Amino acid sequence: MTKDNIITFEDFTKVDLRVGTIIEVSDFPNAKKPAYQLTIDFGDLGIRKSSAQITTQYKKEHLENRQIIAVVNFPKKQIANFMSDCLVVGAVKENDVFLLHPESKVKNGSQVS
């Protein structure tokens, strides 16, 4: 961490982290790096889509119905021929991403603080 990347608490409160449940997983052959297309239910916030480079650690069938954490207040971003409207978060270890998730099942759309 450097002095240049320190944020204020106010900066942090602008990031809207929510819990969602993955309801659909598809291959993403047009992605530059191997990825899945995820459809995620965020409860009252609705259904969102995201691209996630998690193919080395997760099989599609193990992702459905799994709760995850995502940033839901980024602008939409086009990735190849796919429009992503949230960012699933995970921990990175040696170039692999491990999804962050609640320890117990919680209501979709729950805020992370």
C-alpha atoms as a PDB file:
ATOM      1  CA  MET A   1       0.000   0.000   0.000  1.00  0.00           C
ATOM      2  CA  THR A   2       1.269   3.435  -0.885  1.00  0.00           C
ATOM      3  CA  LYS A   3       0.250   6.903   0.177  1.00  0.00           C
ATOM      4  CA  ASP A   4      -1.320   7.423  -3.264  1.00  0.00           C
ATOM      5  CA  ASN A   5      -3.876   4.611  -2.925  1.00  0.00           C
ATOM      6  CA  ILE A   6      -5.267   5.475   0.520  1.00  0.00           C
ATOM      7  CA  ILE A   7      -8.976   6.310   0.425  1.00  0.00           C
ATOM      8  CA  THR A   8     -11.272   7.952   2.935  1.00  0.00           C
ATOM      9  CA  PHE A   9     -14.177   6.260   4.663  1.00  0.00           C
ATOM     10  CA  GLU A  10     -16.433   8.430   2.503  1.00  0.00           C
ATOM     11  CA  ASP A  11     -14.769   6.953  -0.624  1.00  0.00           C
ATOM     12  CA  PHE A  12     -15.444   3.437   0.682  1.00  0.00           C
ATOM     13  CA  THR A  13     -19.124   4.163   1.370  1.00  0.00           C
ATOM     14  CA  LYS A  14     -19.603   4.945  -2.332  1.00  0.00           C
ATOM     15  CA  VAL A  15     -18.901   1.303  -3.225  1.00  0.00           C
ATOM     16  CA  ASP A  16     -22.192  -0.634  -3.142  1.00  0.00           C
ATOM     17  CA  LEU A  17     -21.317  -4.250  -2.299  1.00  0.00           C
ATOM     18  CA  ARG A  18     -24.272  -6.657  -2.290  1.00  0.00           C
ATOM     19  CA  VAL A  19     -24.959 -10.358  -1.898  1.00  0.00           C
ATOM     20  CA  GLY A  20     -26.470 -12.174  -4.866  1.00  0.00           C
ATOM     21  CA  THR A  21     -27.154 -15.738  -5.938  1.00  0.00           C
ATOM     22  CA  ILE A  22     -25.832 -17.056  -9.242  1.00  0.00           C
ATOM     23  CA  ILE A  23     -28.818 -18.400 -11.154  1.00  0.00           C
ATOM     24  CA  GLU A  24     -27.207 -19.160 -14.511  1.00  0.00           C
ATOM     25  CA  VAL A  25     -23.675 -19.858 -15.764  1.00  0.00           C
ATOM     26  CA  SER A  26     -22.639 -19.914 -19.427  1.00  0.00           C
ATOM     27  CA  ASP A  27     -19.368 -20.356 -21.255  1.00  0.00           C
ATOM     28  CA  PHE A  28     -17.946 -17.145 -22.705  1.00  0.00           C
ATOM     29  CA  PRO A  29     -16.021 -18.198 -25.832  1.00  0.00           C
ATOM     30  CA  ASN A  30     -15.565 -14.589 -27.056  1.00  0.00           C
ATOM     31  CA  ALA A  31     -13.670 -13.472 -23.943  1.00  0.00           C
ATOM     32  CA  LYS A  32      -9.938 -12.787 -24.386  1.00  0.00           C
ATOM     33  CA  LYS A  33      -9.172 -14.825 -21.248  1.00  0.00           C
ATOM     34  CA  PRO A  34     -11.223 -17.874 -20.202  1.00  0.00           C
ATOM     35  CA  ALA A  35     -14.352 -16.692 -18.381  1.00  0.00           C
ATOM     36  CA  TYR A  36     -17.951 -17.486 -17.578  1.00  0.00           C
ATOM     37  CA  GLN A  37     -21.002 -15.311 -18.094  1.00  0.00           C
ATOM     38  CA  LEU A  38     -22.930 -15.182 -14.825  1.00  0.00           C
ATOM     39  CA  THR A  39     -26.554 -14.216 -14.267  1.00  0.00           C
ATOM     40  CA  ILE A  40     -27.043 -13.153 -10.657  1.00  0.00           C
ATOM     41  CA  ASP A  41     -30.198 -12.519  -8.603  1.00  0.00           C
ATOM     42  CA  PHE A  42     -29.835  -9.512  -6.280  1.00  0.00           C
ATOM     43  CA  GLY A  43     -33.377  -9.651  -4.881  1.00  0.00           C
ATOM     44  CA  ASP A  44     -35.067  -6.234  -4.937  1.00  0.00           C
ATOM     45  CA  LEU A  45     -32.181  -4.861  -7.041  1.00  0.00           C
ATOM     46  CA  GLY A  46     -33.078  -7.297  -9.817  1.00  0.00           C
ATOM     47  CA  ILE A  47     -31.084  -9.621 -12.053  1.00  0.00           C
ATOM     48  CA  ARG A  48     -27.593  -8.546 -13.120  1.00  0.00           C
ATOM     49  CA  LYS A  49     -24.946 -10.068 -15.387  1.00  0.00           C
ATOM     50  CA  SER A  50     -21.204 -10.300 -14.976  1.00  0.00           C
ATOM     51  CA  SER A  51     -18.218 -11.846 -16.697  1.00  0.00           C
ATOM     52  CA  ALA A  52     -15.866 -13.681 -14.345  1.00  0.00           C
ATOM     53  CA  GLN A  53     -12.451 -15.203 -15.020  1.00  0.00           C
ATOM     54  CA  ILE A  54     -12.974 -18.099 -12.610  1.00  0.00           C
ATOM     55  CA  THR A  55     -12.833 -21.089 -14.942  1.00  0.00           C
ATOM     56  CA  THR A  56      -9.681 -22.603 -13.399  1.00  0.00           C
ATOM     57  CA  GLN A  57     -11.168 -22.854  -9.897  1.00  0.00           C
ATOM     58  CA  TYR A  58     -14.877 -23.453 -10.544  1.00  0.00           C
ATOM     59  CA  LYS A  59     -16.953 -25.753 -12.720  1.00  0.00           C
ATOM     60  CA  LYS A  60     -20.202 -24.307 -14.064  1.00  0.00           C
ATOM     61  CA  GLU A  61     -22.367 -26.823 -12.200  1.00  0.00           C
ATOM     62  CA  HIS A  62     -20.789 -25.840  -8.861  1.00  0.00           C
ATOM     63  CA  LEU A  63     -21.574 -22.149  -9.327  1.00  0.00           C
ATOM     64  CA  GLU A  64     -25.354 -22.263  -9.750  1.00  0.00           C
ATOM     65  CA  ASN A  65     -27.236 -21.337  -6.551  1.00  0.00           C
ATOM     66  CA  ARG A  66     -23.996 -20.103  -4.959  1.00  0.00           C
ATOM     67  CA  GLN A  67     -24.116 -16.770  -3.156  1.00  0.00           C
ATOM     68  CA  ILE A  68     -21.440 -14.239  -4.048  1.00  0.00           C
ATOM     69  CA  ILE A  69     -20.463 -10.643  -3.305  1.00  0.00           C
ATOM     70  CA  ALA A  70     -20.484  -8.056  -6.093  1.00  0.00           C
ATOM     71  CA  VAL A  71     -20.145  -4.331  -6.672  1.00  0.00           C
ATOM     72  CA  VAL A  72     -23.475  -3.247  -8.149  1.00  0.00           C
ATOM     73  CA  ASN A  73     -22.950   0.481  -8.723  1.00  0.00           C
ATOM     74  CA  PHE A  74     -20.363   0.463 -11.494  1.00  0.00           C
ATOM     75  CA  PRO A  75     -21.482   1.650 -14.930  1.00  0.00           C
ATOM     76  CA  LYS A  76     -22.212  -1.095 -17.446  1.00  0.00           C
ATOM     77  CA  LYS A  77     -19.143  -2.358 -19.284  1.00  0.00           C
ATOM     78  CA  GLN A  78     -18.987  -4.145 -22.622  1.00  0.00           C
ATOM     79  CA  ILE A  79     -16.694  -7.167 -22.608  1.00  0.00           C
ATOM     80  CA  ALA A  80     -16.455  -8.610 -26.133  1.00  0.00           C
ATOM     81  CA  ASN A  81     -20.103  -9.178 -27.149  1.00  0.00           C
ATOM     82  CA  PHE A  82     -21.384  -9.208 -23.537  1.00  0.00           C
ATOM     83  CA  MET A  83     -22.652  -6.345 -21.346  1.00  0.00           C
ATOM     84  CA  SER A  84     -21.579  -6.661 -17.704  1.00  0.00           C
ATOM     85  CA  ASP A  85     -23.523  -4.647 -15.114  1.00  0.00           C
ATOM     86  CA  CYS A  86     -21.860  -5.725 -11.869  1.00  0.00           C
ATOM     87  CA  LEU A  87     -18.425  -6.858 -10.707  1.00  0.00           C
ATOM     88  CA  VAL A  88     -18.124 -10.115  -8.775  1.00  0.00           C
ATOM     89  CA  VAL A  89     -15.348  -9.853  -6.180  1.00  0.00           C
ATOM     90  CA  GLY A  90     -12.843 -12.442  -5.077  1.00  0.00           C
ATOM     91  CA  ALA A  91      -9.455 -12.968  -3.552  1.00  0.00           C
ATOM     92  CA  VAL A  92      -6.534 -13.469  -5.928  1.00  0.00           C
ATOM     93  CA  LYS A  93      -3.916 -16.119  -5.295  1.00  0.00           C
ATOM     94  CA  GLU A  94      -1.295 -16.840  -7.950  1.00  0.00           C
ATOM     95  CA  ASN A  95      -3.523 -15.501 -10.765  1.00  0.00           C
ATOM     96  CA  ASP A  96      -6.554 -17.549  -9.661  1.00  0.00           C
ATOM     97  CA  VAL A  97      -9.682 -15.859  -8.322  1.00  0.00           C
ATOM     98  CA  PHE A  98     -11.519 -17.304  -5.319  1.00  0.00           C
ATOM     99  CA  LEU A  99     -15.035 -15.921  -4.936  1.00  0.00           C
ATOM    100  CA  LEU A 100     -15.985 -14.095  -1.760  1.00  0.00           C
ATOM    101  CA  HIS A 101     -19.267 -15.201  -0.211  1.00  0.00           C
ATOM    102  CA  PRO A 102     -21.245 -14.949   3.022  1.00  0.00           C
ATOM    103  CA  GLU A 103     -20.599 -17.651   5.599  1.00  0.00           C
ATOM    104  CA  SER A 104     -24.347 -18.294   5.955  1.00  0.00           C
ATOM    105  CA  LYS A 105     -27.160 -17.873   3.440  1.00  0.00           C
ATOM    106  CA  VAL A 106     -28.566 -14.345   3.527  1.00  0.00           C
ATOM    107  CA  LYS A 107     -31.265 -12.472   1.620  1.00  0.00           C
ATOM    108  CA  ASN A 108     -30.273 -11.590  -1.952  1.00  0.00           C
ATOM    109  CA  GLY A 109     -29.510  -7.889  -2.187  1.00  0.00           C
ATOM    110  CA  SER A 110     -28.182  -7.705   1.381  1.00  0.00           C
ATOM    111  CA  GLN A 111     -25.654  -4.911   1.718  1.00  0.00           C
ATOM    112  CA  VAL A 112     -22.067  -5.725   2.638  1.00  0.00           C
ATOM    113  CA  SER A 113     -20.504  -3.322   5.099  1.00  0.00           C
END
